Protein backbone atom coordinates (compact mmCIF):
# COMPACT_ATOMS: atom_id res chain seq x y z
CA MET A 1 97.24 133.45 109.10
CA ALA A 2 94.65 136.05 108.18
CA SER A 3 94.18 138.86 110.71
CA ASN A 4 90.84 140.20 109.47
CA GLU A 5 87.88 140.25 111.86
CA TYR A 6 84.31 139.71 110.72
CA THR A 7 81.00 140.10 112.50
CA LEU A 8 78.43 137.32 112.55
CA GLU A 9 76.22 139.46 110.33
CA GLU A 10 78.95 139.85 107.71
CA ILE A 11 79.68 136.14 107.70
CA ALA A 12 75.99 135.27 107.34
CA GLN A 13 75.87 137.04 103.97
CA HIS A 14 78.14 134.39 102.43
CA ASN A 15 75.66 131.52 102.44
CA LYS A 16 75.03 130.43 98.88
CA GLU A 17 76.55 128.49 96.02
CA GLY A 18 79.54 130.36 94.64
CA ASP A 19 80.00 132.26 97.89
CA VAL A 20 80.24 130.22 101.09
CA TRP A 21 81.94 131.04 104.37
CA VAL A 22 81.80 129.05 107.60
CA ILE A 23 82.89 129.48 111.20
CA ILE A 24 84.87 126.78 112.94
CA ASP A 25 86.06 127.52 116.46
CA ALA A 26 86.04 131.33 116.09
CA LYS A 27 87.92 131.16 112.77
CA VAL A 28 86.39 132.14 109.43
CA TYR A 29 86.99 129.97 106.37
CA ASP A 30 86.19 130.85 102.76
CA LEU A 31 85.20 127.53 101.20
CA THR A 32 83.98 128.92 97.87
CA LYS A 33 86.80 127.52 95.75
CA PHE A 34 87.13 124.43 97.94
CA ALA A 35 83.46 123.44 97.68
CA ASN A 36 83.84 121.28 94.56
CA LEU A 37 86.87 119.57 96.11
CA HIS A 38 85.13 118.67 99.37
CA PRO A 39 85.26 114.87 99.84
CA GLY A 40 81.63 114.81 100.95
CA GLY A 41 80.41 116.84 98.00
CA SER A 42 79.72 120.56 97.72
CA ASN A 43 76.07 120.27 98.74
CA VAL A 44 77.14 119.57 102.32
CA LEU A 45 78.68 123.03 102.51
CA TYR A 46 75.58 124.74 101.15
CA ALA A 47 73.36 123.25 103.84
CA GLU A 48 71.19 125.65 105.81
CA ASN A 49 73.01 125.01 109.09
CA VAL A 50 76.51 125.31 107.56
CA ALA A 51 76.89 128.11 104.98
CA GLY A 52 77.35 131.47 106.69
CA LYS A 53 76.93 129.82 110.11
CA ASP A 54 78.98 128.49 112.99
CA ALA A 55 79.69 124.90 111.89
CA THR A 56 81.98 123.98 114.79
CA GLN A 57 79.75 121.27 116.22
CA ILE A 58 79.03 119.80 112.82
CA PHE A 59 82.71 119.84 111.85
CA PHE A 60 83.86 118.01 114.98
CA GLY A 61 81.16 115.44 114.50
CA LEU A 62 82.84 114.50 111.24
CA HIS A 63 86.51 115.49 111.39
CA ARG A 64 89.49 115.37 113.70
CA HIS A 65 91.06 118.65 114.77
CA GLU A 66 94.25 117.75 112.91
CA VAL A 67 92.42 118.41 109.62
CA LEU A 68 92.36 122.14 110.40
CA LEU A 69 96.12 122.09 110.98
CA ARG A 70 96.98 120.81 107.52
CA THR A 71 98.55 123.42 105.28
CA GLN A 72 96.00 123.13 102.50
CA TYR A 73 93.15 123.85 104.91
CA LYS A 74 94.90 126.50 106.97
CA ARG A 75 95.14 128.51 103.76
CA LEU A 76 91.35 128.66 103.59
CA GLN A 77 91.16 130.73 106.77
CA ILE A 78 90.49 134.38 105.95
CA GLY A 79 90.03 135.78 109.45
CA THR A 80 88.40 135.43 112.84
CA VAL A 81 85.04 136.21 114.38
CA ALA A 82 84.88 139.56 116.16
CA GLY A 83 84.54 139.09 119.92
CA GLN A 84 85.23 135.33 119.87
CA LYS A 85 88.32 133.38 120.91
CA GLU A 86 89.63 130.03 119.68
CA LEU A 87 88.87 127.29 122.22
CA ILE A 88 90.23 124.14 120.61
CA LYS A 89 94.00 124.13 120.28
CA ALA A 90 96.46 121.42 119.41
CA PRO A 91 98.53 120.37 122.45
CA ALA A 92 102.09 121.64 122.44
CA PRO A 93 104.80 118.96 122.13
CA GLY A 94 105.39 117.43 125.54
CA GLU A 95 102.10 118.70 126.95
CA LEU A 96 99.95 116.42 129.11
CA SER A 97 96.39 115.52 128.23
CA ARG A 98 93.70 117.18 130.35
CA VAL A 99 91.14 114.50 129.53
CA PRO A 100 90.23 112.50 132.67
CA TYR A 101 92.10 109.17 132.67
CA GLY A 102 94.00 110.33 129.57
CA GLU A 103 97.18 110.14 131.66
CA PRO A 104 98.19 107.74 134.44
CA THR A 105 97.49 109.03 137.94
CA TRP A 106 101.10 109.93 138.64
CA LEU A 107 101.01 112.48 135.82
CA THR A 108 97.60 113.90 136.74
CA LYS A 109 97.61 117.25 138.52
CA GLY A 110 96.66 116.99 142.18
CA TYR A 111 97.42 113.27 142.49
CA PHE A 112 100.35 111.53 144.12
CA SER A 113 102.47 108.41 143.67
CA PRO A 114 104.96 106.56 145.90
CA TYR A 115 106.97 105.41 142.88
CA TYR A 116 107.76 108.43 140.72
CA THR A 117 110.11 111.29 141.53
CA GLU A 118 110.38 114.77 140.10
CA ASN A 119 113.14 113.44 137.87
CA HIS A 120 110.73 110.92 136.39
CA ARG A 121 108.31 113.76 135.61
CA LYS A 122 110.97 115.88 133.91
CA PHE A 123 112.16 112.82 132.03
CA GLN A 124 108.62 112.06 130.84
CA THR A 125 108.17 115.59 129.50
CA ALA A 126 111.41 115.41 127.53
CA VAL A 127 110.69 111.92 126.19
CA ARG A 128 107.16 112.86 125.11
CA HIS A 129 108.48 115.97 123.33
CA PHE A 130 111.07 113.84 121.53
CA PHE A 131 108.61 111.20 120.37
CA GLN A 132 106.00 113.74 119.30
CA THR A 133 108.43 115.83 117.28
CA VAL A 134 110.89 113.23 115.96
CA VAL A 135 109.09 109.88 115.86
CA ALA A 136 105.39 110.69 115.34
CA PRO A 137 105.71 111.99 111.74
CA GLU A 138 107.87 108.99 110.81
CA SER A 139 105.41 106.65 112.51
CA VAL A 140 102.51 107.80 110.33
CA LYS A 141 104.57 107.58 107.15
CA CYS A 142 106.02 104.13 107.83
CA GLU A 143 102.74 102.64 109.07
CA GLU A 144 101.25 103.47 105.67
CA SER A 145 104.24 102.58 103.49
CA GLY A 146 105.37 99.50 105.41
CA LYS A 147 108.99 100.61 105.02
CA LYS A 148 111.63 100.34 107.72
CA ILE A 149 112.05 103.30 110.06
CA SER A 150 114.51 105.74 108.51
CA GLN A 151 118.12 105.70 109.61
CA GLU A 152 117.80 109.42 110.37
CA VAL A 153 115.22 108.76 113.09
CA VAL A 154 117.21 105.80 114.44
CA ASP A 155 120.30 108.02 114.63
CA LYS A 156 118.38 110.68 116.58
CA MET A 157 117.19 108.03 119.03
CA ALA A 158 120.76 106.85 119.44
CA GLU A 159 122.03 110.40 120.04
CA VAL A 160 119.99 110.69 123.25
CA ASN A 161 120.54 106.98 124.04
CA ILE A 162 116.88 105.96 123.82
CA ILE A 163 117.94 102.69 122.17
CA ALA A 164 120.19 101.87 125.13
CA MET A 165 117.61 102.97 127.71
CA ARG A 166 114.96 100.66 126.23
CA LEU A 167 117.07 97.76 127.53
CA GLY A 168 116.59 98.95 131.10
CA PRO A 169 119.15 99.70 133.84
CA GLY A 170 122.55 98.04 133.60
CA LYS A 171 126.21 98.18 132.71
CA HIS A 172 125.43 99.09 129.08
CA LEU A 173 124.43 102.59 130.26
CA LYS A 174 127.72 103.31 132.02
CA GLY A 175 129.37 106.46 130.65
CA ARG A 176 126.40 107.36 128.45
CA ILE A 177 124.61 110.72 128.47
CA LEU A 178 120.90 109.96 128.79
CA MET A 179 118.39 112.41 127.29
CA ASP A 180 120.98 115.20 127.22
CA GLY A 181 121.98 114.50 130.82
CA LEU A 182 118.47 114.58 132.29
CA VAL A 183 119.07 111.37 134.23
CA LYS A 184 122.36 109.82 135.31
CA PRO A 185 123.08 106.21 134.28
CA GLU A 186 123.28 105.10 137.91
CA GLU A 187 119.89 106.73 138.66
CA PHE A 188 118.09 105.26 135.65
CA ASP A 189 115.52 102.69 136.75
CA TYR A 190 112.69 100.61 135.31
CA PHE A 191 110.20 103.43 135.76
CA HIS A 192 112.35 105.58 133.46
CA GLU A 193 112.37 102.75 130.95
CA ALA A 194 108.59 102.27 131.29
CA ILE A 195 108.12 105.95 130.44
CA ILE A 196 109.99 105.43 127.16
CA HIS A 197 107.83 102.45 126.18
CA ALA A 198 104.63 104.29 127.10
CA GLU A 199 105.50 107.45 125.18
CA LEU A 200 106.57 105.45 122.14
CA SER A 201 103.22 103.66 122.19
CA ARG A 202 101.30 106.97 122.39
CA VAL A 203 102.66 108.16 119.04
CA SER A 204 103.05 104.86 117.21
CA SER A 205 100.91 102.09 115.83
CA ARG A 206 101.49 98.60 117.20
CA ALA A 207 103.55 97.78 114.12
CA VAL A 208 105.77 100.85 114.51
CA VAL A 209 106.33 100.05 118.20
CA ASP A 210 107.86 96.77 117.01
CA GLY A 211 109.51 98.30 113.96
CA LEU A 212 111.42 100.77 116.09
CA LEU A 213 113.98 98.11 116.98
CA ALA A 214 111.89 95.97 119.32
CA GLY A 215 113.93 93.08 117.93
CA LEU A 216 117.04 94.66 119.42
CA VAL A 217 115.32 95.24 122.76
CA ILE A 218 114.55 91.53 123.07
CA GLY A 219 117.49 90.14 121.09
CA LEU A 220 120.44 92.05 122.54
CA PRO A 221 120.07 91.30 126.30
CA PRO A 222 121.38 87.72 125.93
CA VAL A 223 124.50 89.21 124.34
CA LEU A 224 124.78 91.74 127.18
CA ASN A 225 124.32 89.13 129.88
CA TYR A 226 125.90 86.00 128.40
CA GLY A 227 128.19 87.02 125.52
CA SER A 228 131.97 86.92 125.74
CA PRO A 229 133.81 90.24 126.17
CA GLU A 230 134.99 89.96 122.54
CA LEU A 231 131.46 89.41 121.24
CA TYR A 232 130.16 92.23 123.42
CA ALA A 233 132.77 94.62 122.00
CA LYS A 234 131.96 93.63 118.44
CA VAL A 235 128.18 93.80 118.62
CA VAL A 236 126.88 95.98 121.47
CA PRO A 237 128.38 99.40 120.63
CA ASP A 238 127.14 99.30 117.02
CA ALA A 239 123.73 98.01 118.09
CA LEU A 240 123.19 100.72 120.69
CA ALA A 241 124.40 103.32 118.19
CA GLY A 242 121.70 102.19 115.79
CA LYS A 243 124.26 101.06 113.20
CA LYS A 244 123.48 97.34 113.44
CA TYR A 245 120.13 95.65 114.03
CA VAL A 246 119.37 92.56 116.09
CA ALA A 247 116.41 90.15 116.05
CA LEU A 248 115.41 87.43 118.48
CA ALA A 249 114.98 84.21 116.48
CA ILE A 250 113.27 81.66 118.71
CA SER A 251 109.78 80.84 117.43
CA GLU A 252 109.25 78.35 114.62
CA ALA A 253 106.42 76.96 112.57
CA PHE A 254 107.07 73.67 114.40
CA ALA A 255 106.76 75.19 117.87
CA GLY A 256 105.12 78.42 118.97
CA SER A 257 105.13 78.83 122.74
CA ASP A 258 106.76 75.39 123.11
CA VAL A 259 110.39 76.55 123.20
CA GLY A 260 111.50 73.02 124.03
CA GLY A 261 110.03 71.75 120.77
CA LEU A 262 112.23 73.81 118.43
CA GLN A 263 113.71 71.97 115.44
CA THR A 264 116.60 74.20 114.31
CA THR A 265 119.83 72.27 114.88
CA ALA A 266 123.44 73.23 115.50
CA VAL A 267 126.11 70.57 114.95
CA ARG A 268 129.64 71.10 116.27
CA ASP A 269 132.41 71.19 113.65
CA GLY A 270 135.67 72.18 115.34
CA ASP A 271 135.48 75.84 116.33
CA TYR A 272 132.17 76.30 114.53
CA TRP A 273 128.53 75.38 114.81
CA VAL A 274 126.79 74.37 111.60
CA VAL A 275 123.21 75.64 111.92
CA THR A 276 120.29 74.36 109.85
CA GLY A 277 116.62 75.20 110.26
CA THR A 278 113.98 77.91 110.02
CA LYS A 279 112.44 80.54 112.25
CA LYS A 280 109.06 82.19 111.80
CA TRP A 281 107.34 85.44 112.86
CA ILE A 282 110.70 87.05 113.66
CA THR A 283 110.24 90.74 114.48
CA ASN A 284 112.71 92.98 112.60
CA GLY A 285 114.00 89.89 110.83
CA THR A 286 113.79 91.44 107.35
CA PHE A 287 116.43 94.02 108.21
CA ALA A 288 118.37 92.42 111.09
CA ASP A 289 122.15 92.09 110.94
CA TYR A 290 122.29 89.60 113.82
CA PHE A 291 119.94 86.87 115.04
CA THR A 292 119.92 85.70 118.65
CA THR A 293 118.95 82.14 117.85
CA GLY A 294 117.76 79.12 119.80
CA CYS A 295 119.10 75.77 118.53
CA LYS A 296 119.05 72.09 119.42
CA THR A 297 122.52 70.71 120.04
CA GLU A 298 123.81 67.30 121.08
CA THR A 299 123.93 68.42 124.70
CA GLY A 300 120.66 70.33 124.75
CA PHE A 301 119.05 73.64 123.86
CA THR A 302 121.67 76.32 123.15
CA VAL A 303 121.50 80.00 122.23
CA MET A 304 123.95 81.63 119.83
CA LEU A 305 124.33 84.87 117.91
CA ILE A 306 124.23 84.36 114.13
CA GLU A 307 125.44 87.13 111.85
CA ARG A 308 123.69 87.67 108.54
CA GLY A 309 125.88 86.16 105.84
CA PRO A 310 126.22 83.06 103.63
CA GLY A 311 123.37 80.62 104.25
CA VAL A 312 121.17 83.16 106.08
CA SER A 313 118.10 84.33 104.18
CA THR A 314 114.96 86.23 105.18
CA LYS A 315 111.66 86.95 103.54
CA PRO A 316 108.79 89.09 104.83
CA ILE A 317 105.64 87.59 106.32
CA LYS A 318 102.41 89.46 105.69
CA THR A 319 100.55 89.91 108.98
CA ALA A 320 97.57 91.86 110.31
CA TYR A 321 99.79 94.84 111.00
CA SER A 322 102.13 96.93 108.86
CA ALA A 323 105.30 95.54 107.28
CA VAL A 324 107.22 98.31 109.08
CA ALA A 325 107.72 95.73 111.87
CA GLY A 326 109.90 93.67 109.54
CA THR A 327 108.23 90.35 110.45
CA ALA A 328 110.20 87.61 108.73
CA PHE A 329 110.64 83.96 107.90
CA VAL A 330 114.33 83.21 108.51
CA SER A 331 116.21 80.30 106.98
CA PHE A 332 119.58 78.94 108.10
CA ASP A 333 121.15 76.66 105.48
CA LYS A 334 124.28 75.09 106.97
CA VAL A 335 125.38 78.40 108.40
CA ARG A 336 128.82 78.32 110.02
CA VAL A 337 128.75 80.13 113.36
CA PRO A 338 131.84 80.56 115.56
CA VAL A 339 131.50 78.65 118.84
CA SER A 340 132.62 81.89 120.50
CA ASN A 341 129.21 83.29 119.53
CA THR A 342 127.54 80.92 121.99
CA LEU A 343 125.50 82.81 124.59
CA GLY A 344 125.73 81.14 127.98
CA PRO A 345 126.77 77.55 128.61
CA ILE A 346 126.20 74.98 125.88
CA GLY A 347 123.00 73.12 126.66
CA ALA A 348 121.79 75.81 129.09
CA GLY A 349 119.97 77.92 126.53
CA MET A 350 116.59 77.50 128.19
CA SER A 351 117.65 79.55 131.22
CA VAL A 352 119.15 82.20 128.91
CA ILE A 353 115.87 82.59 127.02
CA LEU A 354 113.50 82.28 129.96
CA SER A 355 115.31 85.00 131.92
CA ASN A 356 115.07 87.22 128.84
CA PHE A 357 111.33 86.66 128.46
CA ASN A 358 110.46 88.50 131.70
CA HIS A 359 111.70 91.84 130.42
CA GLU A 360 110.10 91.32 127.01
CA ARG A 361 106.72 90.53 128.52
CA TRP A 362 106.96 93.49 130.90
CA MET A 363 107.75 95.74 127.92
CA VAL A 364 104.69 94.47 126.03
CA CYS A 365 102.57 95.33 129.09
CA ALA A 366 104.01 98.86 129.18
CA THR A 367 103.21 99.61 125.54
CA SER A 368 99.81 97.92 125.68
CA ILE A 369 98.65 99.86 128.73
CA ALA A 370 99.66 103.16 127.12
CA ALA A 371 97.76 102.25 123.96
CA GLN A 372 94.68 101.30 125.98
CA ARG A 373 94.81 104.62 127.79
CA LEU A 374 94.95 106.44 124.47
CA VAL A 375 91.88 104.50 123.36
CA VAL A 376 90.08 105.59 126.55
CA GLU A 377 91.03 109.20 125.83
CA GLU A 378 89.80 108.94 122.23
CA CYS A 379 86.48 107.48 123.42
CA LEU A 380 85.95 110.17 126.05
CA LYS A 381 86.56 112.88 123.46
CA TRP A 382 84.32 111.27 120.88
CA THR A 383 81.40 110.55 123.19
CA THR A 384 81.30 114.14 124.42
CA GLN A 385 81.44 115.72 120.94
CA ARG A 386 79.33 113.25 118.98
CA ILE A 387 75.67 114.36 118.96
CA VAL A 388 72.93 111.77 118.39
CA PHE A 389 69.21 112.31 118.91
CA GLY A 390 70.05 115.86 119.90
CA LYS A 391 72.34 114.82 122.77
CA PRO A 392 75.98 113.76 123.19
CA LEU A 393 76.67 110.03 123.23
CA THR A 394 77.45 110.28 126.94
CA ALA A 395 73.73 110.84 127.57
CA GLN A 396 73.22 107.14 126.90
CA ALA A 397 73.70 104.85 129.90
CA VAL A 398 75.04 102.00 127.76
CA ILE A 399 77.87 104.26 126.54
CA ARG A 400 78.71 105.37 130.07
CA ALA A 401 78.80 101.71 131.14
CA LYS A 402 81.32 100.91 128.40
CA LEU A 403 83.45 103.89 129.43
CA ALA A 404 83.33 102.75 133.06
CA ALA A 405 84.56 99.27 132.09
CA MET A 406 87.35 100.67 129.92
CA ILE A 407 88.55 103.05 132.61
CA SER A 408 88.45 100.34 135.29
CA ARG A 409 90.49 97.96 133.17
CA VAL A 410 93.23 100.43 132.26
CA GLU A 411 93.56 101.65 135.85
CA ALA A 412 93.80 98.07 137.12
CA CYS A 413 96.46 97.29 134.50
CA GLN A 414 98.41 100.44 135.40
CA ASN A 415 98.45 99.82 139.13
CA TRP A 416 99.48 96.17 138.84
CA PHE A 417 102.17 97.19 136.36
CA GLU A 418 103.59 99.81 138.74
CA THR A 419 103.68 97.29 141.59
CA ILE A 420 105.65 94.82 139.48
CA THR A 421 107.96 97.56 138.21
CA HIS A 422 108.73 98.63 141.78
CA GLN A 423 109.66 95.03 142.61
CA MET A 424 111.97 94.95 139.58
CA ASN A 425 113.74 98.05 140.88
CA MET A 426 114.26 96.40 144.27
CA MET A 427 115.43 92.98 143.01
CA SER A 428 118.53 91.65 141.35
CA TYR A 429 118.22 90.08 137.90
CA LYS A 430 118.38 86.63 139.50
CA GLU A 431 115.69 87.48 142.04
CA GLN A 432 113.44 88.78 139.27
CA SER A 433 113.77 85.47 137.43
CA ASP A 434 112.79 83.57 140.56
CA LYS A 435 110.03 85.75 141.96
CA LEU A 436 108.53 87.71 139.06
CA ALA A 437 108.24 85.25 136.15
CA GLY A 438 104.82 84.13 137.38
CA PRO A 439 103.41 87.58 138.23
CA ILE A 440 104.64 89.05 134.94
CA GLY A 441 103.06 86.17 133.03
CA LEU A 442 99.73 86.64 134.81
CA HIS A 443 99.94 90.39 134.35
CA LYS A 444 100.55 90.12 130.62
CA GLN A 445 97.55 87.80 130.29
CA PHE A 446 95.40 90.32 132.17
CA VAL A 447 96.69 93.28 130.16
CA SER A 448 96.21 91.66 126.76
CA ARG A 449 92.71 90.43 127.59
CA SER A 450 91.80 93.85 128.94
CA GLY A 451 93.09 95.38 125.73
CA ARG A 452 90.93 93.24 123.50
CA GLU A 453 87.84 93.91 125.62
CA THR A 454 88.56 97.62 125.42
CA ALA A 455 89.06 97.35 121.66
CA GLU A 456 85.60 95.78 121.34
CA ASP A 457 83.95 98.44 123.53
CA ALA A 458 85.67 101.25 121.64
CA THR A 459 84.55 99.77 118.31
CA GLN A 460 80.95 99.84 119.45
CA ILE A 461 81.32 103.42 120.67
CA PHE A 462 82.75 104.65 117.37
CA GLY A 463 80.48 102.49 115.21
CA GLY A 464 81.26 102.50 111.50
CA ARG A 465 84.07 104.98 112.02
CA ALA A 466 85.95 102.26 113.93
CA LEU A 467 86.08 100.21 110.74
CA THR A 468 87.75 102.96 108.73
CA VAL A 469 91.55 103.32 108.54
CA SER A 470 91.37 107.11 108.42
CA GLY A 471 89.26 109.80 110.03
CA MET A 472 87.63 109.94 113.43
CA GLY A 473 88.09 106.31 114.41
CA LYS A 474 91.48 105.59 112.84
CA PHE A 475 93.20 104.87 116.17
CA ILE A 476 90.38 102.57 117.22
CA GLU A 477 90.47 100.68 113.91
CA ASN A 478 94.21 100.16 114.18
CA TYR A 479 94.09 99.12 117.81
CA HIS A 480 91.18 96.73 117.27
CA ARG A 481 93.03 95.12 114.36
CA THR A 482 96.36 94.79 116.16
CA SER A 483 95.55 94.32 119.87
CA GLY A 484 95.82 90.56 119.34
CA PHE A 485 99.57 90.92 118.86
CA ASP A 486 99.91 91.68 122.58
CA ALA A 487 98.06 88.45 123.34
CA ILE A 488 100.42 86.32 121.23
CA LEU A 489 103.88 87.88 121.04
CA ALA A 490 106.28 87.17 123.93
CA GLY A 491 104.11 84.22 124.95
CA ALA A 492 100.46 83.43 124.29
CA GLU A 493 98.20 84.67 127.07
CA ASP A 494 96.78 81.25 127.96
CA VAL A 495 100.29 79.79 128.25
CA LEU A 496 101.37 82.72 130.43
CA GLY A 497 98.34 82.37 132.68
CA ASP A 498 99.20 78.72 133.20
CA LEU A 499 102.84 79.66 133.81
CA GLY A 500 101.79 82.08 136.53
CA VAL A 501 99.71 79.45 138.31
CA ARG A 502 102.39 76.77 138.01
CA GLN A 503 104.95 79.17 139.48
CA ALA A 504 102.60 79.82 142.38
CA LEU A 505 101.99 76.11 142.95
CA LYS A 506 105.74 75.49 143.18
CA LYS A 507 105.85 77.87 146.13
CA MET A 508 102.83 76.43 147.93
CA PRO A 509 103.87 75.57 151.51
CA LYS A 510 103.73 71.84 152.25
CA ASP A 511 101.75 72.40 155.44
CA ALA A 512 99.05 74.63 153.94
CA ARG A 513 95.66 73.16 154.80
CA LEU A 514 92.11 74.47 155.20
């Protein structure tokens, strides 16, 4: 970086075609050679209020701060302004946002929480640092290319046991060193897990959140909870080490949220099942090695683990988000599956899947809330730096009203989520299935609807920039385009709302009268 200092008078002399300097946040840039390469045309740089002047406000009305951090633009800096100091700095990895409501209350200085301990705070710092330094660059690259997350990143996640921790507390953590020993396996709880989901969502698009082995997170628990010891030993270690990938194969073209209407069949042939049918919209299906699959059998709905092999084929499905998620159409053509791969009792697959859904839906809530909070932060930044009619956007009451609604929604989502998470920590797996299926269903409906309302408000705040896949509104564009995934995946929001009410009605006391 250049160490020269220039006075305002010296800088003002460089204000014409063939010789143009500008000031951005106390730094001096020589844009003479860059002028003809400027995406907006060279004339923009020769404007009266730009050339030889402080263009900080103008720059941040058009560009994100990250532009200044790119190597090709950092090279244009020739010095600094005498007597001035840089004000706008990129946050250090692991650093918390200082934007109001940019972080949940428990991470905000001066606020308190009954749920989180100092260990949770230390854990959050380490997890955020990891995701920002290891995952974020890969996230950007894979979102654009649509390619699977690199094995190198998966291996790094496995090294600190993030893959295992995304499955929540349990026996699968025993003997593992979590985040370099920051938390002991027996101390790890659902708030620790929620931190991982939230931090992943902060640095990743919705597609990358799913592409980073979400299929394993929702497809491996039935193996953990219902698989034989032999199947566990064969599959779980490699899966948690990031060497094998798992997908949950339940939904079909014939039946979306109607799990009981699935058409894939499994016919008993000695020590094997012969499986025939198709599955659709299977997350991570294009690269999965195993499929936790729901099938119709003679004695009822049954779940089994199918290994990729003869008769198993997958092809990608193009969706509204990036192909990095590996969304697939899966075909089973008379696939022979050992009966020992059955998960849970034959004919009792519905209880296996329904118990698994709670955790999946809770996870979707965790990532969605974090994404909504990032949208709130982006909007607060934009509305304070964007100048219209000579004033920041926040001078307009209609903008402040939208911000108020967005903040209220995300805080409501956060507090309900923390209440449910606390209950999960205090209940056994069986108790969760009995008491929390309804609340989690209602919560997911509320979170996903809140997200789509926030996406609409943010789009109006950013205007045309919210329709552009790069630049100032790129996060808003992506979130607006993909927020619907939270409303559909893991159970459509209308179905989940009805589930929550039906669960409540089952527990209505017989003697309750007005």
